[in-house]
Amino acid sequence: MGKGNITVLTDLNLITCIVQKGAADDIVKAAVAEGVQGGTIHYARGTGIRERLGILGVAIESEKEVINIVVSTEMTDKIFEAIYFAGKLDTPGMGIMYVTPLTKAATYIPPHLLRENEPS
């Protein structure tokens, strides 16, 4: 069944940031500037107490962008801080961000990079 070896990555975290529609591009740009390879952006709709705050109590649809970025544990704090300020999360109502530890991940890694990181 196996077709080859899987390089399993450990010591990773997933940073998830949920922000107002239109803010995701700036967040990913800030993360890339700090050294990540990229991120995944998808769209969502939030609900809750804020949806009733429209004119005359009419519900407001709250469109959101969700950004997922996988980072090494050693880079997590640096990327977390860059995303926090790029997303203006120090402003009320702009969004929320959290980190989830990942126990295992796999993706293609070029053989020359694997050889460079092998113990001598």
PDB file of N, CA and C in Angstrom:
ATOM      1  N   MET A   1       0.820  -1.195   0.000  1.00  0.00           N
ATOM      2  CA  MET A   1       0.000   0.000   0.000  1.00  0.00           C
ATOM      3  C   MET A   1       0.860   1.253   0.000  1.00  0.00           C
ATOM      4  N   GLY A   2       1.982   1.249   0.744  1.00  0.00           N
ATOM      5  CA  GLY A   2       2.823   2.431   0.808  1.00  0.00           C
ATOM      6  C   GLY A   2       3.591   2.643  -0.481  1.00  0.00           C
ATOM      7  N   LYS A   3       3.740   3.862  -0.878  1.00  0.00           N
ATOM      8  CA  LYS A   3       4.445   4.214  -2.106  1.00  0.00           C
ATOM      9  C   LYS A   3       5.761   4.917  -1.829  1.00  0.00           C
ATOM     10  N   GLY A   4       6.094   5.085  -0.577  1.00  0.00           N
ATOM     11  CA  GLY A   4       7.318   5.790  -0.236  1.00  0.00           C
ATOM     12  C   GLY A   4       7.286   6.220   1.209  1.00  0.00           C
ATOM     13  N   ASN A   5       8.252   7.000   1.570  1.00  0.00           N
ATOM     14  CA  ASN A   5       8.328   7.500   2.939  1.00  0.00           C
ATOM     15  C   ASN A   5       7.535   8.788   3.092  1.00  0.00           C
ATOM     16  N   ILE A   6       6.982   8.946   4.267  1.00  0.00           N
ATOM     17  CA  ILE A   6       6.301  10.193   4.617  1.00  0.00           C
ATOM     18  C   ILE A   6       7.191  10.929   5.591  1.00  0.00           C
ATOM     19  N   THR A   7       7.466  12.169   5.302  1.00  0.00           N
ATOM     20  CA  THR A   7       8.197  13.004   6.246  1.00  0.00           C
ATOM     21  C   THR A   7       7.169  13.654   7.164  1.00  0.00           C
ATOM     22  N   VAL A   8       7.192  13.258   8.420  1.00  0.00           N
ATOM     23  CA  VAL A   8       6.239  13.772   9.390  1.00  0.00           C
ATOM     24  C   VAL A   8       6.852  14.977  10.094  1.00  0.00           C
ATOM     25  N   LEU A   9       6.117  16.053  10.101  1.00  0.00           N
ATOM     26  CA  LEU A   9       6.553  17.278  10.761  1.00  0.00           C
ATOM     27  C   LEU A   9       5.892  17.367  12.129  1.00  0.00           C
ATOM     28  N   THR A  10       6.661  17.715  13.121  1.00  0.00           N
ATOM     29  CA  THR A  10       6.144  17.906  14.474  1.00  0.00           C
ATOM     30  C   THR A  10       6.585  19.285  14.952  1.00  0.00           C
ATOM     31  N   ASP A  11       6.260  19.613  16.170  1.00  0.00           N
ATOM     32  CA  ASP A  11       6.603  20.936  16.714  1.00  0.00           C
ATOM     33  C   ASP A  11       6.013  22.053  15.863  1.00  0.00           C
ATOM     34  N   LEU A  12       4.750  21.909  15.539  1.00  0.00           N
ATOM     35  CA  LEU A  12       4.045  22.908  14.739  1.00  0.00           C
ATOM     36  C   LEU A  12       2.835  23.427  15.495  1.00  0.00           C
ATOM     37  N   ASN A  13       2.430  24.629  15.135  1.00  0.00           N
ATOM     38  CA  ASN A  13       1.200  25.222  15.655  1.00  0.00           C
ATOM     39  C   ASN A  13       0.378  25.739  14.492  1.00  0.00           C
ATOM     40  N   LEU A  14      -0.915  25.782  14.697  1.00  0.00           N
ATOM     41  CA  LEU A  14      -1.827  26.386  13.741  1.00  0.00           C
ATOM     42  C   LEU A  14      -2.330  27.684  14.350  1.00  0.00           C
ATOM     43  N   ILE A  15      -2.036  28.790  13.689  1.00  0.00           N
ATOM     44  CA  ILE A  15      -2.569  30.081  14.119  1.00  0.00           C
ATOM     45  C   ILE A  15      -3.833  30.328  13.303  1.00  0.00           C
ATOM     46  N   THR A  16      -4.942  30.549  13.995  1.00  0.00           N
ATOM     47  CA  THR A  16      -6.218  30.858  13.359  1.00  0.00           C
ATOM     48  C   THR A  16      -6.613  32.264  13.758  1.00  0.00           C
ATOM     49  N   CYS A  17      -6.956  33.066  12.772  1.00  0.00           N
ATOM     50  CA  CYS A  17      -7.328  34.458  13.016  1.00  0.00           C
ATOM     51  C   CYS A  17      -8.666  34.711  12.306  1.00  0.00           C
ATOM     52  N   ILE A  18      -9.640  35.188  13.047  1.00  0.00           N
ATOM     53  CA  ILE A  18     -10.958  35.486  12.497  1.00  0.00           C
ATOM     54  C   ILE A  18     -11.145  36.996  12.543  1.00  0.00           C
ATOM     55  N   VAL A  19     -11.318  37.603  11.366  1.00  0.00           N
ATOM     56  CA  VAL A  19     -11.354  39.065  11.271  1.00  0.00           C
ATOM     57  C   VAL A  19     -12.496  39.529  10.379  1.00  0.00           C
ATOM     58  N   GLN A  20     -12.701  40.826  10.370  1.00  0.00           N
ATOM     59  CA  GLN A  20     -13.717  41.435   9.523  1.00  0.00           C
ATOM     60  C   GLN A  20     -13.348  41.235   8.051  1.00  0.00           C
ATOM     61  N   LYS A  21     -14.353  41.136   7.207  1.00  0.00           N
ATOM     62  CA  LYS A  21     -14.134  40.952   5.777  1.00  0.00           C
ATOM     63  C   LYS A  21     -13.249  42.069   5.232  1.00  0.00           C
ATOM     64  N   GLY A  22     -12.231  41.684   4.462  1.00  0.00           N
ATOM     65  CA  GLY A  22     -11.324  42.649   3.854  1.00  0.00           C
ATOM     66  C   GLY A  22      -9.993  42.785   4.557  1.00  0.00           C
ATOM     67  N   ALA A  23      -9.840  42.192   5.738  1.00  0.00           N
ATOM     68  CA  ALA A  23      -8.595  42.346   6.508  1.00  0.00           C
ATOM     69  C   ALA A  23      -7.584  41.229   6.280  1.00  0.00           C
ATOM     70  N   ALA A  24      -8.001  40.126   5.682  1.00  0.00           N
ATOM     71  CA  ALA A  24      -7.137  38.945   5.596  1.00  0.00           C
ATOM     72  C   ALA A  24      -5.869  39.166   4.779  1.00  0.00           C
ATOM     73  N   ASP A  25      -5.963  39.873   3.680  1.00  0.00           N
ATOM     74  CA  ASP A  25      -4.780  40.054   2.825  1.00  0.00           C
ATOM     75  C   ASP A  25      -3.636  40.741   3.567  1.00  0.00           C
ATOM     76  N   ASP A  26      -3.952  41.765   4.344  1.00  0.00           N
ATOM     77  CA  ASP A  26      -2.916  42.463   5.108  1.00  0.00           C
ATOM     78  C   ASP A  26      -2.294  41.546   6.157  1.00  0.00           C
ATOM     79  N   ILE A  27      -3.098  40.679   6.733  1.00  0.00           N
ATOM     80  CA  ILE A  27      -2.603  39.754   7.753  1.00  0.00           C
ATOM     81  C   ILE A  27      -1.649  38.736   7.139  1.00  0.00           C
ATOM     82  N   VAL A  28      -2.030  38.164   6.012  1.00  0.00           N
ATOM     83  CA  VAL A  28      -1.164  37.183   5.358  1.00  0.00           C
ATOM     84  C   VAL A  28       0.125  37.850   4.877  1.00  0.00           C
ATOM     85  N   LYS A  29       0.027  39.059   4.354  1.00  0.00           N
ATOM     86  CA  LYS A  29       1.237  39.781   3.923  1.00  0.00           C
ATOM     87  C   LYS A  29       2.190  39.998   5.087  1.00  0.00           C
ATOM     88  N   ALA A  30       1.661  40.352   6.243  1.00  0.00           N
ATOM     89  CA  ALA A  30       2.502  40.562   7.429  1.00  0.00           C
ATOM     90  C   ALA A  30       3.163  39.258   7.866  1.00  0.00           C
ATOM     91  N   ALA A  31       2.430  38.148   7.810  1.00  0.00           N
ATOM     92  CA  ALA A  31       2.984  36.847   8.186  1.00  0.00           C
ATOM     93  C   ALA A  31       4.081  36.420   7.208  1.00  0.00           C
ATOM     94  N   VAL A  32       3.847  36.626   5.924  1.00  0.00           N
ATOM     95  CA  VAL A  32       4.849  36.281   4.912  1.00  0.00           C
ATOM     96  C   VAL A  32       6.104  37.136   5.104  1.00  0.00           C
ATOM     97  N   ALA A  33       5.933  38.400   5.435  1.00  0.00           N
ATOM     98  CA  ALA A  33       7.085  39.278   5.684  1.00  0.00           C
ATOM     99  C   ALA A  33       7.921  38.792   6.859  1.00  0.00           C
ATOM    100  N   GLU A  34       7.298  38.041   7.776  1.00  0.00           N
ATOM    101  CA  GLU A  34       8.010  37.507   8.939  1.00  0.00           C
ATOM    102  C   GLU A  34       8.567  36.103   8.695  1.00  0.00           C
ATOM    103  N   GLY A  35       8.331  35.555   7.499  1.00  0.00           N
ATOM    104  CA  GLY A  35       8.965  34.288   7.167  1.00  0.00           C
ATOM    105  C   GLY A  35       8.088  33.080   6.918  1.00  0.00           C
ATOM    106  N   VAL A  36       6.764  33.192   7.027  1.00  0.00           N
ATOM    107  CA  VAL A  36       5.919  32.028   6.726  1.00  0.00           C
ATOM    108  C   VAL A  36       5.773  31.889   5.215  1.00  0.00           C
ATOM    109  N   GLN A  37       5.394  30.703   4.775  1.00  0.00           N
ATOM    110  CA  GLN A  37       5.260  30.435   3.341  1.00  0.00           C
ATOM    111  C   GLN A  37       3.937  30.943   2.777  1.00  0.00           C
ATOM    112  N   GLY A  38       2.932  31.087   3.612  1.00  0.00           N
ATOM    113  CA  GLY A  38       1.622  31.535   3.158  1.00  0.00           C
ATOM    114  C   GLY A  38       0.551  31.128   4.142  1.00  0.00           C
ATOM    115  N   GLY A  39      -0.681  31.330   3.762  1.00  0.00           N
ATOM    116  CA  GLY A  39      -1.785  30.984   4.632  1.00  0.00           C
ATOM    117  C   GLY A  39      -2.998  30.615   3.813  1.00  0.00           C
ATOM    118  N   THR A  40      -4.000  30.113   4.480  1.00  0.00           N
ATOM    119  CA  THR A  40      -5.263  29.764   3.837  1.00  0.00           C
ATOM    120  C   THR A  40      -6.334  30.717   4.357  1.00  0.00           C
ATOM    121  N   ILE A  41      -7.070  31.308   3.433  1.00  0.00           N
ATOM    122  CA  ILE A  41      -8.146  32.239   3.788  1.00  0.00           C
ATOM    123  C   ILE A  41      -9.462  31.621   3.336  1.00  0.00           C
ATOM    124  N   HIS A  42     -10.422  31.592   4.224  1.00  0.00           N
ATOM    125  CA  HIS A  42     -11.765  31.205   3.811  1.00  0.00           C
ATOM    126  C   HIS A  42     -12.768  32.144   4.478  1.00  0.00           C
ATOM    127  N   TYR A  43     -13.983  32.087   3.991  1.00  0.00           N
ATOM    128  CA  TYR A  43     -14.992  33.046   4.404  1.00  0.00           C
ATOM    129  C   TYR A  43     -16.014  32.395   5.324  1.00  0.00           C
ATOM    130  N   ALA A  44     -16.519  33.177   6.254  1.00  0.00           N
ATOM    131  CA  ALA A  44     -17.482  32.677   7.230  1.00  0.00           C
ATOM    132  C   ALA A  44     -18.464  33.786   7.574  1.00  0.00           C
ATOM    133  N   ARG A  45     -19.494  33.412   8.307  1.00  0.00           N
ATOM    134  CA  ARG A  45     -20.473  34.387   8.780  1.00  0.00           C
ATOM    135  C   ARG A  45     -20.606  34.205  10.280  1.00  0.00           C
ATOM    136  N   GLY A  46     -20.416  35.270  11.016  1.00  0.00           N
ATOM    137  CA  GLY A  46     -20.533  35.217  12.461  1.00  0.00           C
ATOM    138  C   GLY A  46     -21.953  35.527  12.916  1.00  0.00           C
ATOM    139  N   THR A  47     -22.328  34.959  14.053  1.00  0.00           N
ATOM    140  CA  THR A  47     -23.623  35.270  14.652  1.00  0.00           C
ATOM    141  C   THR A  47     -23.420  35.519  16.133  1.00  0.00           C
ATOM    142  N   GLY A  48     -24.403  36.107  16.756  1.00  0.00           N
ATOM    143  CA  GLY A  48     -24.317  36.371  18.183  1.00  0.00           C
ATOM    144  C   GLY A  48     -25.022  37.654  18.537  1.00  0.00           C
ATOM    145  N   ILE A  49     -24.659  38.210  19.658  1.00  0.00           N
ATOM    146  CA  ILE A  49     -25.345  39.394  20.184  1.00  0.00           C
ATOM    147  C   ILE A  49     -25.215  40.587  19.249  1.00  0.00           C
ATOM    148  N   ARG A  50     -24.101  40.721  18.576  1.00  0.00           N
ATOM    149  CA  ARG A  50     -23.891  41.880  17.706  1.00  0.00           C
ATOM    150  C   ARG A  50     -24.839  41.919  16.517  1.00  0.00           C
ATOM    151  N   GLU A  51     -25.389  40.765  16.095  1.00  0.00           N
ATOM    152  CA  GLU A  51     -26.261  40.753  14.930  1.00  0.00           C
ATOM    153  C   GLU A  51     -27.571  41.496  15.185  1.00  0.00           C
ATOM    154  N   ARG A  52     -27.937  41.740  16.438  1.00  0.00           N
ATOM    155  CA  ARG A  52     -29.184  42.441  16.755  1.00  0.00           C
ATOM    156  C   ARG A  52     -28.976  43.936  16.967  1.00  0.00           C
ATOM    157  N   LEU A  53     -27.783  44.421  16.713  1.00  0.00           N
ATOM    158  CA  LEU A  53     -27.481  45.822  17.003  1.00  0.00           C
ATOM    159  C   LEU A  53     -27.749  46.761  15.835  1.00  0.00           C
ATOM    160  N   GLY A  54     -28.326  46.259  14.768  1.00  0.00           N
ATOM    161  CA  GLY A  54     -28.614  47.101  13.611  1.00  0.00           C
ATOM    162  C   GLY A  54     -29.739  48.075  13.884  1.00  0.00           C
ATOM    163  N   ILE A  55     -30.083  48.863  12.877  1.00  0.00           N
ATOM    164  CA  ILE A  55     -31.143  49.853  12.988  1.00  0.00           C
ATOM    165  C   ILE A  55     -32.468  49.148  13.301  1.00  0.00           C
ATOM    166  N   LEU A  56     -33.150  49.613  14.327  1.00  0.00           N
ATOM    167  CA  LEU A  56     -34.435  49.081  14.754  1.00  0.00           C
ATOM    168  C   LEU A  56     -34.391  47.590  15.075  1.00  0.00           C
ATOM    169  N   GLY A  57     -33.241  47.104  15.506  1.00  0.00           N
ATOM    170  CA  GLY A  57     -33.119  45.700  15.894  1.00  0.00           C
ATOM    171  C   GLY A  57     -33.076  44.733  14.729  1.00  0.00           C
ATOM    172  N   VAL A  58     -32.924  45.230  13.510  1.00  0.00           N
ATOM    173  CA  VAL A  58     -32.823  44.358  12.338  1.00  0.00           C
ATOM    174  C   VAL A  58     -31.460  43.670  12.368  1.00  0.00           C
ATOM    175  N   ALA A  59     -31.444  42.374  12.070  1.00  0.00           N
ATOM    176  CA  ALA A  59     -30.202  41.601  12.117  1.00  0.00           C
ATOM    177  C   ALA A  59     -29.196  42.104  11.084  1.00  0.00           C
ATOM    178  N   ILE A  60     -27.921  42.129  11.492  1.00  0.00           N
ATOM    179  CA  ILE A  60     -26.825  42.503  10.607  1.00  0.00           C
ATOM    180  C   ILE A  60     -26.025  41.241  10.318  1.00  0.00           C
ATOM    181  N   GLU A  61     -25.841  40.924   9.048  1.00  0.00           N
ATOM    182  CA  GLU A  61     -25.012  39.770   8.712  1.00  0.00           C
ATOM    183  C   GLU A  61     -23.557  40.164   8.886  1.00  0.00           C
ATOM    184  N   SER A  62     -22.851  39.371   9.625  1.00  0.00           N
ATOM    185  CA  SER A  62     -21.471  39.682   9.948  1.00  0.00           C
ATOM    186  C   SER A  62     -20.534  38.773   9.159  1.00  0.00           C
ATOM    187  N   GLU A  63     -20.068  39.262   8.012  1.00  0.00           N
ATOM    188  CA  GLU A  63     -19.161  38.480   7.184  1.00  0.00           C
ATOM    189  C   GLU A  63     -17.760  38.531   7.767  1.00  0.00           C
ATOM    190  N   LYS A  64     -17.102  37.376   7.776  1.00  0.00           N
ATOM    191  CA  LYS A  64     -15.770  37.248   8.367  1.00  0.00           C
ATOM    192  C   LYS A  64     -14.822  36.587   7.386  1.00  0.00           C
ATOM    193  N   GLU A  65     -13.545  36.772   7.623  1.00  0.00           N
ATOM    194  CA  GLU A  65     -12.506  36.029   6.929  1.00  0.00           C
ATOM    195  C   GLU A  65     -11.736  35.257   7.994  1.00  0.00           C
ATOM    196  N   VAL A  66     -11.462  33.998   7.709  1.00  0.00           N
ATOM    197  CA  VAL A  66     -10.732  33.142   8.629  1.00  0.00           C
ATOM    198  C   VAL A  66      -9.402  32.799   7.970  1.00  0.00           C
ATOM    199  N   ILE A  67      -8.313  33.071   8.672  1.00  0.00           N
ATOM    200  CA  ILE A  67      -6.969  32.812   8.161  1.00  0.00           C
ATOM    201  C   ILE A  67      -6.353  31.701   8.986  1.00  0.00           C
ATOM    202  N   ASN A  68      -5.835  30.673   8.318  1.00  0.00           N
ATOM    203  CA  ASN A  68      -5.117  29.591   8.979  1.00  0.00           C
ATOM    204  C   ASN A  68      -3.676  29.600   8.484  1.00  0.00           C
ATOM    205  N   ILE A  69      -2.749  29.598   9.424  1.00  0.00           N
ATOM    206  CA  ILE A  69      -1.326  29.591   9.090  1.00  0.00           C
ATOM    207  C   ILE A  69      -0.636  28.568   9.975  1.00  0.00           C
ATOM    208  N   VAL A  70       0.066  27.626   9.349  1.00  0.00           N
ATOM    209  CA  VAL A  70       0.848  26.631  10.081  1.00  0.00           C
ATOM    210  C   VAL A  70       2.254  27.183  10.243  1.00  0.00           C
ATOM    211  N   VAL A  71       2.728  27.193  11.500  1.00  0.00           N
ATOM    212  CA  VAL A  71       4.060  27.725  11.794  1.00  0.00           C
ATOM    213  C   VAL A  71       4.797  26.787  12.745  1.00  0.00           C
ATOM    214  N   SER A  72       6.116  26.886  12.723  1.00  0.00           N
ATOM    215  CA  SER A  72       6.902  26.118  13.689  1.00  0.00           C
ATOM    216  C   SER A  72       6.683  26.713  15.076  1.00  0.00           C
ATOM    217  N   THR A  73       6.868  25.888  16.092  1.00  0.00           N
ATOM    218  CA  THR A  73       6.665  26.394  17.449  1.00  0.00           C
ATOM    219  C   THR A  73       7.628  27.538  17.753  1.00  0.00           C
ATOM    220  N   GLU A  74       8.829  27.487  17.186  1.00  0.00           N
ATOM    221  CA  GLU A  74       9.797  28.552  17.471  1.00  0.00           C
ATOM    222  C   GLU A  74       9.423  29.884  16.827  1.00  0.00           C
ATOM    223  N   MET A  75       8.621  29.848  15.764  1.00  0.00           N
ATOM    224  CA  MET A  75       8.202  31.088  15.096  1.00  0.00           C
ATOM    225  C   MET A  75       6.846  31.590  15.573  1.00  0.00           C
ATOM    226  N   THR A  76       6.151  30.810  16.374  1.00  0.00           N
ATOM    227  CA  THR A  76       4.763  31.127  16.726  1.00  0.00           C
ATOM    228  C   THR A  76       4.597  32.508  17.345  1.00  0.00           C
ATOM    229  N   ASP A  77       5.382  32.831  18.351  1.00  0.00           N
ATOM    230  CA  ASP A  77       5.202  34.128  19.032  1.00  0.00           C
ATOM    231  C   ASP A  77       5.442  35.309  18.099  1.00  0.00           C
ATOM    232  N   LYS A  78       6.476  35.209  17.255  1.00  0.00           N
ATOM    233  CA  LYS A  78       6.797  36.299  16.322  1.00  0.00           C
ATOM    234  C   LYS A  78       5.662  36.500  15.312  1.00  0.00           C
ATOM    235  N   ILE A  79       5.147  35.406  14.760  1.00  0.00           N
ATOM    236  CA  ILE A  79       4.065  35.500  13.776  1.00  0.00           C
ATOM    237  C   ILE A  79       2.772  35.956  14.441  1.00  0.00           C
ATOM    238  N   PHE A  80       2.502  35.439  15.635  1.00  0.00           N
ATOM    239  CA  PHE A  80       1.302  35.821  16.384  1.00  0.00           C
ATOM    240  C   PHE A  80       1.268  37.334  16.590  1.00  0.00           C
ATOM    241  N   GLU A  81       2.397  37.898  17.001  1.00  0.00           N
ATOM    242  CA  GLU A  81       2.474  39.345  17.232  1.00  0.00           C
ATOM    243  C   GLU A  81       2.289  40.129  15.939  1.00  0.00           C
ATOM    244  N   ALA A  82       2.926  39.683  14.849  1.00  0.00           N
ATOM    245  CA  ALA A  82       2.805  40.382  13.566  1.00  0.00           C
ATOM    246  C   ALA A  82       1.356  40.381  13.078  1.00  0.00           C
ATOM    247  N   ILE A  83       0.688  39.243  13.226  1.00  0.00           N
ATOM    248  CA  ILE A  83      -0.708  39.135  12.806  1.00  0.00           C
ATOM    249  C   ILE A  83      -1.606  40.012  13.678  1.00  0.00           C
ATOM    250  N   TYR A  84      -1.350  40.023  14.957  1.00  0.00           N
ATOM    251  CA  TYR A  84      -2.155  40.810  15.896  1.00  0.00           C
ATOM    252  C   TYR A  84      -2.187  42.281  15.475  1.00  0.00           C
ATOM    253  N   PHE A  85      -1.011  42.834  15.184  1.00  0.00           N
ATOM    254  CA  PHE A  85      -0.963  44.256  14.834  1.00  0.00           C
ATOM    255  C   PHE A  85      -1.409  44.517  13.398  1.00  0.00           C
ATOM    256  N   ALA A  86      -1.112  43.604  12.465  1.00  0.00           N
ATOM    257  CA  ALA A  86      -1.560  43.781  11.076  1.00  0.00           C
ATOM    258  C   ALA A  86      -3.081  43.744  10.987  1.00  0.00           C
ATOM    259  N   GLY A  87      -3.711  42.918  11.820  1.00  0.00           N
ATOM    260  CA  GLY A  87      -5.171  42.817  11.823  1.00  0.00           C
ATOM    261  C   GLY A  87      -5.855  43.821  12.710  1.00  0.00           C
ATOM    262  N   LYS A  88      -5.062  44.679  13.360  1.00  0.00           N
ATOM    263  CA  LYS A  88      -5.592  45.698  14.273  1.00  0.00           C
ATOM    264  C   LYS A  88      -6.463  45.061  15.354  1.00  0.00           C
ATOM    265  N   LEU A  89      -6.009  43.910  15.856  1.00  0.00           N
ATOM    266  CA  LEU A  89      -6.782  43.202  16.877  1.00  0.00           C
ATOM    267  C   LEU A  89      -6.739  43.885  18.234  1.00  0.00           C
ATOM    268  N   ASP A  90      -5.960  44.956  18.343  1.00  0.00           N
ATOM    269  CA  ASP A  90      -5.961  45.758  19.561  1.00  0.00           C
ATOM    270  C   ASP A  90      -7.106  46.772  19.557  1.00  0.00           C
ATOM    271  N   THR A  91      -7.975  46.695  18.536  1.00  0.00           N
ATOM    272  CA  THR A  91      -9.150  47.552  18.411  1.00  0.00           C
ATOM    273  C   THR A  91     -10.400  46.703  18.680  1.00  0.00           C
ATOM    274  N   PRO A  92     -11.306  47.172  19.536  1.00  0.00           N
ATOM    275  CA  PRO A  92     -12.514  46.390  19.831  1.00  0.00           C
ATOM    276  C   PRO A  92     -13.303  46.040  18.571  1.00  0.00           C
ATOM    277  N   GLY A  93     -13.762  44.794  18.503  1.00  0.00           N
ATOM    278  CA  GLY A  93     -14.599  44.343  17.406  1.00  0.00           C
ATOM    279  C   GLY A  93     -13.880  43.937  16.136  1.00  0.00           C
ATOM    280  N   MET A  94     -12.539  43.978  16.122  1.00  0.00           N
ATOM    281  CA  MET A  94     -11.811  43.666  14.896  1.00  0.00           C
ATOM    282  C   MET A  94     -11.622  42.177  14.667  1.00  0.00           C
ATOM    283  N   GLY A  95     -11.614  41.385  15.729  1.00  0.00           N
ATOM    284  CA  GLY A  95     -11.467  39.950  15.522  1.00  0.00           C
ATOM    285  C   GLY A  95     -10.849  39.246  16.707  1.00  0.00           C
ATOM    286  N   ILE A  96     -10.521  37.986  16.477  1.00  0.00           N
ATOM    287  CA  ILE A  96      -9.920  37.147  17.508  1.00  0.00           C
ATOM    288  C   ILE A  96      -8.905  36.232  16.843  1.00  0.00           C
ATOM    289  N   MET A  97      -7.917  35.815  17.633  1.00  0.00           N
ATOM    290  CA  MET A  97      -6.876  34.946  17.120  1.00  0.00           C
ATOM    291  C   MET A  97      -6.524  33.942  18.197  1.00  0.00           C
ATOM    292  N   TYR A  98      -6.199  32.714  17.786  1.00  0.00           N
ATOM    293  CA  TYR A  98      -5.796  31.697  18.754  1.00  0.00           C
ATOM    294  C   TYR A  98      -4.814  30.724  18.109  1.00  0.00           C
ATOM    295  N   VAL A  99      -4.099  29.990  18.958  1.00  0.00           N
ATOM    296  CA  VAL A  99      -3.098  29.029  18.510  1.00  0.00           C
ATOM    297  C   VAL A  99      -3.527  27.632  18.956  1.00  0.00           C
ATOM    298  N   THR A 100      -3.423  26.675  18.030  1.00  0.00           N
ATOM    299  CA  THR A 100      -3.729  25.277  18.311  1.00  0.00           C
ATOM    300  C   THR A 100      -2.472  24.451  18.034  1.00  0.00           C
ATOM    301  N   PRO A 101      -2.017  23.660  19.017  1.00  0.00           N
ATOM    302  CA  PRO A 101      -0.859  22.800  18.759  1.00  0.00           C
ATOM    303  C   PRO A 101      -1.211  21.693  17.763  1.00  0.00           C
ATOM    304  N   LEU A 102      -0.307  21.412  16.841  1.00  0.00           N
ATOM    305  CA  LEU A 102      -0.495  20.324  15.887  1.00  0.00           C
ATOM    306  C   LEU A 102       0.447  19.184  16.266  1.00  0.00           C
ATOM    307  N   THR A 103      -0.071  17.990  16.348  1.00  0.00           N
ATOM    308  CA  THR A 103       0.781  16.863  16.731  1.00  0.00           C
ATOM    309  C   THR A 103       1.494  16.252  15.538  1.00  0.00           C
ATOM    310  N   LYS A 104       0.910  16.397  14.345  1.00  0.00           N
ATOM    311  CA  LYS A 104       1.528  15.788  13.176  1.00  0.00           C
ATOM    312  C   LYS A 104       1.040  16.485  11.917  1.00  0.00           C
ATOM    313  N   ALA A 105       1.946  16.677  10.967  1.00  0.00           N
ATOM    314  CA  ALA A 105       1.591  17.237   9.668  1.00  0.00           C
ATOM    315  C   ALA A 105       2.526  16.642   8.633  1.00  0.00           C
ATOM    316  N   ALA A 106       2.093  16.642   7.381  1.00  0.00           N
ATOM    317  CA  ALA A 106       2.931  16.137   6.302  1.00  0.00           C
ATOM    318  C   ALA A 106       2.658  16.923   5.034  1.00  0.00           C
ATOM    319  N   THR A 107       3.700  17.159   4.287  1.00  0.00           N
ATOM    320  CA  THR A 107       3.618  17.805   2.992  1.00  0.00           C
ATOM    321  C   THR A 107       4.864  17.431   2.215  1.00  0.00           C
ATOM    322  N   TYR A 108       4.921  17.796   0.964  1.00  0.00           N
ATOM    323  CA  TYR A 108       6.121  17.522   0.173  1.00  0.00           C
ATOM    324  C   TYR A 108       7.253  18.416   0.651  1.00  0.00           C
ATOM    325  N   ILE A 109       8.391  17.801   0.879  1.00  0.00           N
ATOM    326  CA  ILE A 109       9.602  18.548   1.218  1.00  0.00           C
ATOM    327  C   ILE A 109      10.674  18.106   0.233  1.00  0.00           C
ATOM    328  N   PRO A 110      11.271  19.024  -0.497  1.00  0.00           N
ATOM    329  CA  PRO A 110      12.287  18.640  -1.481  1.00  0.00           C
ATOM    330  C   PRO A 110      13.420  17.844  -0.822  1.00  0.00           C
ATOM    331  N   PRO A 111      13.891  16.796  -1.495  1.00  0.00           N
ATOM    332  CA  PRO A 111      14.940  15.938  -0.919  1.00  0.00           C
ATOM    333  C   PRO A 111      16.191  16.694  -0.473  1.00  0.00           C
ATOM    334  N   HIS A 112      16.577  17.743  -1.209  1.00  0.00           N
ATOM    335  CA  HIS A 112      17.796  18.464  -0.819  1.00  0.00           C
ATOM    336  C   HIS A 112      17.630  19.158   0.533  1.00  0.00           C
ATOM    337  N   LEU A 113      16.423  19.579   0.868  1.00  0.00           N
ATOM    338  CA  LEU A 113      16.190  20.187   2.192  1.00  0.00           C
ATOM    339  C   LEU A 113      16.245  19.134   3.285  1.00  0.00           C
ATOM    340  N   LEU A 114      15.741  17.952   2.995  1.00  0.00           N
ATOM    341  CA  LEU A 114      15.803  16.873   3.989  1.00  0.00           C
ATOM    342  C   LEU A 114      17.258  16.492   4.268  1.00  0.00           C
ATOM    343  N   ARG A 115      18.080  16.404   3.220  1.00  0.00           N
ATOM    344  CA  ARG A 115      19.505  16.066   3.407  1.00  0.00           C
ATOM    345  C   ARG A 115      20.219  17.133   4.209  1.00  0.00           C
ATOM    346  N   GLU A 116      19.897  18.397   3.988  1.00  0.00           N
ATOM    347  CA  GLU A 116      20.543  19.492   4.724  1.00  0.00           C
ATOM    348  C   GLU A 116      20.252  19.418   6.224  1.00  0.00           C
ATOM    349  N   ASN A 117      19.093  18.906   6.584  1.00  0.00           N
ATOM    350  CA  ASN A 117      18.684  18.887   7.992  1.00  0.00           C
ATOM    351  C   ASN A 117      18.918  17.557   8.696  1.00  0.00           C
ATOM    352  N   GLU A 118      19.545  16.600   7.997  1.00  0.00           N
ATOM    353  CA  GLU A 118      19.850  15.321   8.628  1.00  0.00           C
ATOM    354  C   GLU A 118      20.967  15.499   9.652  1.00  0.00           C
ATOM    355  N   PRO A 119      20.876  14.766  10.776  1.00  0.00           N
ATOM    356  CA  PRO A 119      21.969  14.827  11.744  1.00  0.00           C
ATOM    357  C   PRO A 119      23.240  14.216  11.154  1.00  0.00           C
ATOM    358  N   SER A 120      24.366  14.784  11.478  1.00  0.00           N
ATOM    359  CA  SER A 120      25.648  14.310  10.926  1.00  0.00           C
ATOM    360  C   SER A 120      26.107  13.046  11.595  1.00  0.00           C
TER     361      SER A 120
END
